[in-house]
Structure formats: structure tokens, C-alpha cells
Amino acid sequence: MKEKNLPDDNSSKSIEDLTEEANKIIDNLEKEKDLQNSLDSYQKLIKLNNTIEKKFYARSKEITQDYKDRIKKNEKKT
């Protein structure tokens, strides 16, 4: 899904908050017996998952870059 389809309030939330929200949706879906009533929840869960993936990827990229920068800094000291 494209980022423009994601709700704005999700972009300001942490990965932990988004994961907690996704877990609540999953709990509710597991209790729901009528799948037709669950379509909106599934769609929201998919959007949350995409947001979590993007945030995780971005954070992973930041950590990798920080690690590379530290290695370069240490190499210059020696």
C-alpha cells in the first residue's frame, strides 16, 4: 500500500504503540465469529502492519548508518 493511504495519526506513533494497537485488533478478530464484520479491522491491521514495517526499516537503516559512522570515526583515530 502506498504511504498516502495510511492514516496520519499512525506516522506519529512509536513502533511499540503501533504493535500494541495491532495486537488489540488481532485479539478482537480472534473473538469475532462473523468474518463480514471483520473486514474493516483486517484492513486497519494491514495498514498498521505496513506502517510498522516502514518504521522498522527506517530505524534499521538509521542504526546501520550510525554503526558505519562509528567504525569510520574509530578508524580515523587509529
PDB file of N, CA and C in Angstrom:
ATOM      1  N   MET A   1       0.841  -1.188   0.000  1.00  0.00           N
ATOM      2  CA  MET A   1       0.000   0.000   0.000  1.00  0.00           C
ATOM      3  C   MET A   1       0.878   1.239   0.000  1.00  0.00           C
ATOM      4  N   LYS A   2       0.392   2.250  -0.625  1.00  0.00           N
ATOM      5  CA  LYS A   2       1.139   3.489  -0.677  1.00  0.00           C
ATOM      6  C   LYS A   2       0.982   4.235   0.641  1.00  0.00           C
ATOM      7  N   GLU A   3       2.012   5.001   0.975  1.00  0.00           N
ATOM      8  CA  GLU A   3       2.017   5.710   2.246  1.00  0.00           C
ATOM      9  C   GLU A   3       0.887   6.710   2.354  1.00  0.00           C
ATOM     10  N   LYS A   4       0.463   7.281   1.231  1.00  0.00           N
ATOM     11  CA  LYS A   4      -0.610   8.267   1.287  1.00  0.00           C
ATOM     12  C   LYS A   4      -1.940   7.662   1.736  1.00  0.00           C
ATOM     13  N   ASN A   5      -2.069   6.338   1.647  1.00  0.00           N
ATOM     14  CA  ASN A   5      -3.288   5.665   2.091  1.00  0.00           C
ATOM     15  C   ASN A   5      -3.317   5.428   3.593  1.00  0.00           C
ATOM     16  N   LEU A   6      -2.191   5.660   4.258  1.00  0.00           N
ATOM     17  CA  LEU A   6      -2.116   5.398   5.688  1.00  0.00           C
ATOM     18  C   LEU A   6      -2.643   6.582   6.483  1.00  0.00           C
ATOM     19  N   PRO A   7      -3.320   6.302   7.577  1.00  0.00           N
ATOM     20  CA  PRO A   7      -3.809   7.405   8.415  1.00  0.00           C
ATOM     21  C   PRO A   7      -2.645   8.206   8.987  1.00  0.00           C
ATOM     22  N   ASP A   8      -2.822   9.517   9.091  1.00  0.00           N
ATOM     23  CA  ASP A   8      -1.765  10.392   9.562  1.00  0.00           C
ATOM     24  C   ASP A   8      -1.384  10.111  11.009  1.00  0.00           C
ATOM     25  N   ASP A   9      -2.341   9.727  11.836  1.00  0.00           N
ATOM     26  CA  ASP A   9      -2.042   9.522  13.243  1.00  0.00           C
ATOM     27  C   ASP A   9      -1.076   8.380  13.481  1.00  0.00           C
ATOM     28  N   ASN A  10      -0.956   7.448  12.554  1.00  0.00           N
ATOM     29  CA  ASN A  10      -0.029   6.330  12.715  1.00  0.00           C
ATOM     30  C   ASN A  10       1.420   6.748  12.537  1.00  0.00           C
ATOM     31  N   SER A  11       1.673   7.751  11.738  1.00  0.00           N
ATOM     32  CA  SER A  11       3.053   8.140  11.482  1.00  0.00           C
ATOM     33  C   SER A  11       3.713   8.761  12.704  1.00  0.00           C
ATOM     34  N   SER A  12       2.927   9.300  13.616  1.00  0.00           N
ATOM     35  CA  SER A  12       3.496   9.922  14.803  1.00  0.00           C
ATOM     36  C   SER A  12       3.640   8.948  15.971  1.00  0.00           C
ATOM     37  N   LYS A  13       3.112   7.754  15.830  1.00  0.00           N
ATOM     38  CA  LYS A  13       3.172   6.763  16.907  1.00  0.00           C
ATOM     39  C   LYS A  13       4.463   5.949  16.819  1.00  0.00           C
ATOM     40  N   SER A  14       4.897   5.444  17.965  1.00  0.00           N
ATOM     41  CA  SER A  14       6.095   4.605  18.004  1.00  0.00           C
ATOM     42  C   SER A  14       5.756   3.201  17.499  1.00  0.00           C
ATOM     43  N   ILE A  15       6.794   2.463  17.194  1.00  0.00           N
ATOM     44  CA  ILE A  15       6.611   1.076  16.756  1.00  0.00           C
ATOM     45  C   ILE A  15       5.914   0.276  17.854  1.00  0.00           C
ATOM     46  N   GLU A  16       6.280   0.541  19.096  1.00  0.00           N
ATOM     47  CA  GLU A  16       5.675  -0.181  20.216  1.00  0.00           C
ATOM     48  C   GLU A  16       4.179   0.111  20.317  1.00  0.00           C
ATOM     49  N   ASP A  17       3.804   1.384  20.150  1.00  0.00           N
ATOM     50  CA  ASP A  17       2.378   1.748  20.205  1.00  0.00           C
ATOM     51  C   ASP A  17       1.597   1.109  19.068  1.00  0.00           C
ATOM     52  N   LEU A  18       2.179   1.124  17.881  1.00  0.00           N
ATOM     53  CA  LEU A  18       1.515   0.523  16.719  1.00  0.00           C
ATOM     54  C   LEU A  18       1.365  -0.988  16.900  1.00  0.00           C
ATOM     55  N   THR A  19       2.389  -1.623  17.454  1.00  0.00           N
ATOM     56  CA  THR A  19       2.340  -3.066  17.689  1.00  0.00           C
ATOM     57  C   THR A  19       1.268  -3.402  18.713  1.00  0.00           C
ATOM     58  N   GLU A  20       1.177  -2.585  19.752  1.00  0.00           N
ATOM     59  CA  GLU A  20       0.142  -2.799  20.768  1.00  0.00           C
ATOM     60  C   GLU A  20      -1.252  -2.672  20.153  1.00  0.00           C
ATOM     61  N   GLU A  21      -1.431  -1.665  19.306  1.00  0.00           N
ATOM     62  CA  GLU A  21      -2.724  -1.478  18.638  1.00  0.00           C
ATOM     63  C   GLU A  21      -3.045  -2.658  17.729  1.00  0.00           C
ATOM     64  N   ALA A  22      -2.041  -3.143  17.008  1.00  0.00           N
ATOM     65  CA  ALA A  22      -2.239  -4.305  16.128  1.00  0.00           C
ATOM     66  C   ALA A  22      -2.617  -5.533  16.938  1.00  0.00           C
ATOM     67  N   ASN A  23      -1.979  -5.718  18.072  1.00  0.00           N
ATOM     68  CA  ASN A  23      -2.301  -6.869  18.926  1.00  0.00           C
ATOM     69  C   ASN A  23      -3.733  -6.807  19.448  1.00  0.00           C
ATOM     70  N   LYS A  24      -4.208  -5.607  19.758  1.00  0.00           N
ATOM     71  CA  LYS A  24      -5.599  -5.458  20.209  1.00  0.00           C
ATOM     72  C   LYS A  24      -6.573  -5.828  19.085  1.00  0.00           C
ATOM     73  N   ILE A  25      -6.252  -5.400  17.867  1.00  0.00           N
ATOM     74  CA  ILE A  25      -7.109  -5.744  16.721  1.00  0.00           C
ATOM     75  C   ILE A  25      -7.122  -7.254  16.525  1.00  0.00           C
ATOM     76  N   ILE A  26      -5.951  -7.877  16.627  1.00  0.00           N
ATOM     77  CA  ILE A  26      -5.868  -9.335  16.471  1.00  0.00           C
ATOM     78  C   ILE A  26      -6.707 -10.037  17.529  1.00  0.00           C
ATOM     79  N   ASP A  27      -6.614  -9.572  18.774  1.00  0.00           N
ATOM     80  CA  ASP A  27      -7.431 -10.174  19.845  1.00  0.00           C
ATOM     81  C   ASP A  27      -8.919 -10.071  19.529  1.00  0.00           C
ATOM     82  N   ASN A  28      -9.342  -8.902  19.049  1.00  0.00           N
ATOM     83  CA  ASN A  28     -10.756  -8.717  18.701  1.00  0.00           C
ATOM     84  C   ASN A  28     -11.160  -9.587  17.514  1.00  0.00           C
ATOM     85  N   LEU A  29     -10.268  -9.717  16.542  1.00  0.00           N
ATOM     86  CA  LEU A  29     -10.581 -10.550  15.381  1.00  0.00           C
ATOM     87  C   LEU A  29     -10.705 -12.021  15.766  1.00  0.00           C
ATOM     88  N   GLU A  30      -9.886 -12.458  16.690  1.00  0.00           N
ATOM     89  CA  GLU A  30      -9.958 -13.848  17.135  1.00  0.00           C
ATOM     90  C   GLU A  30     -11.275 -14.156  17.838  1.00  0.00           C
ATOM     91  N   LYS A  31     -11.869 -13.157  18.452  1.00  0.00           N
ATOM     92  CA  LYS A  31     -13.140 -13.344  19.153  1.00  0.00           C
ATOM     93  C   LYS A  31     -14.340 -13.229  18.207  1.00  0.00           C
ATOM     94  N   GLU A  32     -14.160 -12.543  17.078  1.00  0.00           N
ATOM     95  CA  GLU A  32     -15.247 -12.309  16.125  1.00  0.00           C
ATOM     96  C   GLU A  32     -15.566 -13.596  15.367  1.00  0.00           C
ATOM     97  N   LYS A  33     -16.838 -13.912  15.309  1.00  0.00           N
ATOM     98  CA  LYS A  33     -17.254 -15.127  14.614  1.00  0.00           C
ATOM     99  C   LYS A  33     -17.729 -14.838  13.180  1.00  0.00           C
ATOM    100  N   ASP A  34     -18.194 -13.648  12.932  1.00  0.00           N
ATOM    101  CA  ASP A  34     -18.693 -13.273  11.609  1.00  0.00           C
ATOM    102  C   ASP A  34     -17.602 -12.533  10.844  1.00  0.00           C
ATOM    103  N   LEU A  35     -17.047 -13.175   9.831  1.00  0.00           N
ATOM    104  CA  LEU A  35     -15.945 -12.579   9.066  1.00  0.00           C
ATOM    105  C   LEU A  35     -16.354 -11.298   8.351  1.00  0.00           C
ATOM    106  N   GLN A  36     -17.582 -11.182   7.970  1.00  0.00           N
ATOM    107  CA  GLN A  36     -18.047  -9.981   7.273  1.00  0.00           C
ATOM    108  C   GLN A  36     -17.874  -8.743   8.157  1.00  0.00           C
ATOM    109  N   ASN A  37     -18.077  -8.903   9.447  1.00  0.00           N
ATOM    110  CA  ASN A  37     -17.914  -7.791  10.384  1.00  0.00           C
ATOM    111  C   ASN A  37     -16.444  -7.435  10.603  1.00  0.00           C
ATOM    112  N   SER A  38     -15.550  -8.296  10.161  1.00  0.00           N
ATOM    113  CA  SER A  38     -14.132  -8.121  10.435  1.00  0.00           C
ATOM    114  C   SER A  38     -13.360  -7.421   9.323  1.00  0.00           C
ATOM    115  N   LEU A  39     -13.984  -7.142   8.210  1.00  0.00           N
ATOM    116  CA  LEU A  39     -13.259  -6.598   7.061  1.00  0.00           C
ATOM    117  C   LEU A  39     -12.553  -5.286   7.376  1.00  0.00           C
ATOM    118  N   ASP A  40     -13.219  -4.380   8.042  1.00  0.00           N
ATOM    119  CA  ASP A  40     -12.591  -3.103   8.384  1.00  0.00           C
ATOM    120  C   ASP A  40     -11.401  -3.306   9.318  1.00  0.00           C
ATOM    121  N   SER A  41     -11.567  -4.205  10.241  1.00  0.00           N
ATOM    122  CA  SER A  41     -10.470  -4.481  11.183  1.00  0.00           C
ATOM    123  C   SER A  41      -9.268  -5.081  10.461  1.00  0.00           C
ATOM    124  N   TYR A  42      -9.510  -5.996   9.535  1.00  0.00           N
ATOM    125  CA  TYR A  42      -8.415  -6.577   8.758  1.00  0.00           C
ATOM    126  C   TYR A  42      -7.702  -5.506   7.939  1.00  0.00           C
ATOM    127  N   GLN A  43      -8.463  -4.615   7.330  1.00  0.00           N
ATOM    128  CA  GLN A  43      -7.852  -3.549   6.541  1.00  0.00           C
ATOM    129  C   GLN A  43      -7.012  -2.626   7.413  1.00  0.00           C
ATOM    130  N   LYS A  44      -7.512  -2.304   8.584  1.00  0.00           N
ATOM    131  CA  LYS A  44      -6.760  -1.459   9.504  1.00  0.00           C
ATOM    132  C   LYS A  44      -5.493  -2.180   9.957  1.00  0.00           C
ATOM    133  N   LEU A  45      -5.602  -3.471  10.210  1.00  0.00           N
ATOM    134  CA  LEU A  45      -4.449  -4.264  10.623  1.00  0.00           C
ATOM    135  C   LEU A  45      -3.379  -4.289   9.528  1.00  0.00           C
ATOM    136  N   ILE A  46      -3.792  -4.407   8.295  1.00  0.00           N
ATOM    137  CA  ILE A  46      -2.844  -4.398   7.177  1.00  0.00           C
ATOM    138  C   ILE A  46      -2.130  -3.053   7.096  1.00  0.00           C
ATOM    139  N   LYS A  47      -2.867  -1.971   7.257  1.00  0.00           N
ATOM    140  CA  LYS A  47      -2.261  -0.642   7.237  1.00  0.00           C
ATOM    141  C   LYS A  47      -1.283  -0.460   8.395  1.00  0.00           C
ATOM    142  N   LEU A  48      -1.673  -0.925   9.570  1.00  0.00           N
ATOM    143  CA  LEU A  48      -0.771  -0.853  10.726  1.00  0.00           C
ATOM    144  C   LEU A  48       0.500  -1.649  10.470  1.00  0.00           C
ATOM    145  N   ASN A  49       0.340  -2.827   9.920  1.00  0.00           N
ATOM    146  CA  ASN A  49       1.488  -3.670   9.627  1.00  0.00           C
ATOM    147  C   ASN A  49       2.432  -2.974   8.644  1.00  0.00           C
ATOM    148  N   ASN A  50       1.885  -2.356   7.625  1.00  0.00           N
ATOM    149  CA  ASN A  50       2.719  -1.648   6.650  1.00  0.00           C
ATOM    150  C   ASN A  50       3.456  -0.482   7.303  1.00  0.00           C
ATOM    151  N   THR A  51       2.782   0.222   8.177  1.00  0.00           N
ATOM    152  CA  THR A  51       3.408   1.339   8.883  1.00  0.00           C
ATOM    153  C   THR A  51       4.527   0.838   9.779  1.00  0.00           C
ATOM    154  N   ILE A  52       4.265  -0.252  10.502  1.00  0.00           N
ATOM    155  CA  ILE A  52       5.282  -0.832  11.383  1.00  0.00           C
ATOM    156  C   ILE A  52       6.494  -1.259  10.562  1.00  0.00           C
ATOM    157  N   GLU A  53       6.271  -1.912   9.440  1.00  0.00           N
ATOM    158  CA  GLU A  53       7.371  -2.345   8.571  1.00  0.00           C
ATOM    159  C   GLU A  53       8.210  -1.162   8.105  1.00  0.00           C
ATOM    160  N   LYS A  54       7.552  -0.096   7.681  1.00  0.00           N
ATOM    161  CA  LYS A  54       8.273   1.078   7.200  1.00  0.00           C
ATOM    162  C   LYS A  54       9.082   1.735   8.311  1.00  0.00           C
ATOM    163  N   LYS A  55       8.491   1.841   9.489  1.00  0.00           N
ATOM    164  CA  LYS A  55       9.207   2.431  10.629  1.00  0.00           C
ATOM    165  C   LYS A  55      10.381   1.547  11.041  1.00  0.00           C
ATOM    166  N   PHE A  56      10.154   0.248  11.054  1.00  0.00           N
ATOM    167  CA  PHE A  56      11.213  -0.690  11.413  1.00  0.00           C
ATOM    168  C   PHE A  56      12.358  -0.599  10.409  1.00  0.00           C
ATOM    169  N   TYR A  57      12.032  -0.565   9.130  1.00  0.00           N
ATOM    170  CA  TYR A  57      13.049  -0.468   8.085  1.00  0.00           C
ATOM    171  C   TYR A  57      13.831   0.841   8.220  1.00  0.00           C
ATOM    172  N   ALA A  58      13.125   1.938   8.459  1.00  0.00           N
ATOM    173  CA  ALA A  58      13.788   3.233   8.603  1.00  0.00           C
ATOM    174  C   ALA A  58      14.718   3.234   9.813  1.00  0.00           C
ATOM    175  N   ARG A  59      14.242   2.675  10.929  1.00  0.00           N
ATOM    176  CA  ARG A  59      15.073   2.626  12.135  1.00  0.00           C
ATOM    177  C   ARG A  59      16.279   1.719  11.929  1.00  0.00           C
ATOM    178  N   SER A  60      16.088   0.617  11.259  1.00  0.00           N
ATOM    179  CA  SER A  60      17.185  -0.296  10.955  1.00  0.00           C
ATOM    180  C   SER A  60      18.241   0.402  10.098  1.00  0.00           C
ATOM    181  N   LYS A  61      17.792   1.174   9.150  1.00  0.00           N
ATOM    182  CA  LYS A  61      18.693   1.925   8.283  1.00  0.00           C
ATOM    183  C   LYS A  61      19.489   2.964   9.098  1.00  0.00           C
ATOM    184  N   GLU A  62      18.818   3.632  10.038  1.00  0.00           N
ATOM    185  CA  GLU A  62      19.491   4.601  10.907  1.00  0.00           C
ATOM    186  C   GLU A  62      20.567   3.924  11.757  1.00  0.00           C
ATOM    187  N   ILE A  63      20.238   2.776  12.312  1.00  0.00           N
ATOM    188  CA  ILE A  63      21.184   2.048  13.153  1.00  0.00           C
ATOM    189  C   ILE A  63      22.393   1.612  12.331  1.00  0.00           C
ATOM    190  N   THR A  64      22.142   1.112  11.136  1.00  0.00           N
ATOM    191  CA  THR A  64      23.228   0.682  10.261  1.00  0.00           C
ATOM    192  C   THR A  64      24.141   1.852   9.915  1.00  0.00           C
ATOM    193  N   GLN A  65      23.549   2.991   9.584  1.00  0.00           N
ATOM    194  CA  GLN A  65      24.341   4.165   9.246  1.00  0.00           C
ATOM    195  C   GLN A  65      25.143   4.647  10.444  1.00  0.00           C
ATOM    196  N   ASP A  66      24.530   4.638  11.625  1.00  0.00           N
ATOM    197  CA  ASP A  66      25.229   5.038  12.842  1.00  0.00           C
ATOM    198  C   ASP A  66      26.413   4.113  13.100  1.00  0.00           C
ATOM    199  N   TYR A  67      26.209   2.837  12.906  1.00  0.00           N
ATOM    200  CA  TYR A  67      27.276   1.853  13.103  1.00  0.00           C
ATOM    201  C   TYR A  67      28.425   2.126  12.125  1.00  0.00           C
ATOM    202  N   LYS A  68      28.093   2.369  10.865  1.00  0.00           N
ATOM    203  CA  LYS A  68      29.124   2.664   9.863  1.00  0.00           C
ATOM    204  C   LYS A  68      29.884   3.936  10.217  1.00  0.00           C
ATOM    205  N   ASP A  69      29.170   4.947  10.684  1.00  0.00           N
ATOM    206  CA  ASP A  69      29.804   6.207  11.071  1.00  0.00           C
ATOM    207  C   ASP A  69      30.759   5.997  12.248  1.00  0.00           C
ATOM    208  N   ARG A  70      30.362   5.186  13.192  1.00  0.00           N
ATOM    209  CA  ARG A  70      31.224   4.908  14.346  1.00  0.00           C
ATOM    210  C   ARG A  70      32.482   4.162  13.923  1.00  0.00           C
ATOM    211  N   ILE A  71      32.338   3.236  13.006  1.00  0.00           N
ATOM    212  CA  ILE A  71      33.502   2.491  12.510  1.00  0.00           C
ATOM    213  C   ILE A  71      34.474   3.454  11.824  1.00  0.00           C
ATOM    214  N   LYS A  72      33.956   4.324  10.967  1.00  0.00           N
ATOM    215  CA  LYS A  72      34.806   5.303  10.275  1.00  0.00           C
ATOM    216  C   LYS A  72      35.508   6.219  11.286  1.00  0.00           C
ATOM    217  N   LYS A  73      34.768   6.634  12.297  1.00  0.00           N
ATOM    218  CA  LYS A  73      35.333   7.531  13.323  1.00  0.00           C
ATOM    219  C   LYS A  73      36.458   6.830  14.071  1.00  0.00           C
ATOM    220  N   ASN A  74      36.263   5.566  14.407  1.00  0.00           N
ATOM    221  CA  ASN A  74      37.292   4.801  15.108  1.00  0.00           C
ATOM    222  C   ASN A  74      38.507   4.535  14.229  1.00  0.00           C
ATOM    223  N   GLU A  75      38.287   4.326  12.932  1.00  0.00           N
ATOM    224  CA  GLU A  75      39.392   4.103  12.010  1.00  0.00           C
ATOM    225  C   GLU A  75      40.272   5.341  11.887  1.00  0.00           C
ATOM    226  N   LYS A  76      39.644   6.508  11.935  1.00  0.00           N
ATOM    227  CA  LYS A  76      40.399   7.756  11.833  1.00  0.00           C
ATOM    228  C   LYS A  76      41.256   7.993  13.068  1.00  0.00           C
ATOM    229  N   LYS A  77      40.804   7.508  14.223  1.00  0.00           N
ATOM    230  CA  LYS A  77      41.549   7.690  15.477  1.00  0.00           C
ATOM    231  C   LYS A  77      42.826   6.855  15.498  1.00  0.00           C
ATOM    232  N   THR A  78      42.820   5.729  14.809  1.00  0.00           N
ATOM    233  CA  THR A  78      43.986   4.846  14.847  1.00  0.00           C
ATOM    234  C   THR A  78      44.996   5.129  13.800  1.00  0.00           C
TER     235      THR A  78
END
